[in-house]
Amino acid sequence: MSSTVPELLADAADGAHLLVTRVSAGPASTLRLRELGVCEGRTLRILHTSDPIICQIDQARVGLARRLAEHVHVRAAGARAADAQSVDRAAETRDCKPRDCKSLLHVSQIT
């Protein structure tokens, strides 16, 4: 693991722009994360690293318990295009397309 790029969302620093590469939680927790817009291929920004961890996903702010964030695998959002395409293919095989996450986002909007 790089000292500047976390492998887990729980290890991220304030202000980090990240790409979700995998969610390794159980079925119920994975579904809840999807409902919040956290799934493979989704980009997010860390606003505050307390417990809960506050993330910005599109125009919404989401608070994630640290225990859930420990199951969200990430990398820097500016990673290579080939890697991003492999994440998109993996998301499609898991029926978790980034565009699907957007429709599930139901938390308060940032004003």
Foldseek 3Di string as FASTA:
>chain_A
DDPQWDFFQLPHDAFAKKFFQAFQDDPVLVVVCLLQLQHFLFIWGFHDNDAQTWIQGPQDIDTDGSVRRRRTTITGPPDDPVSSVVSQVVCVVVVRHSVSSVVSNDHDGHD
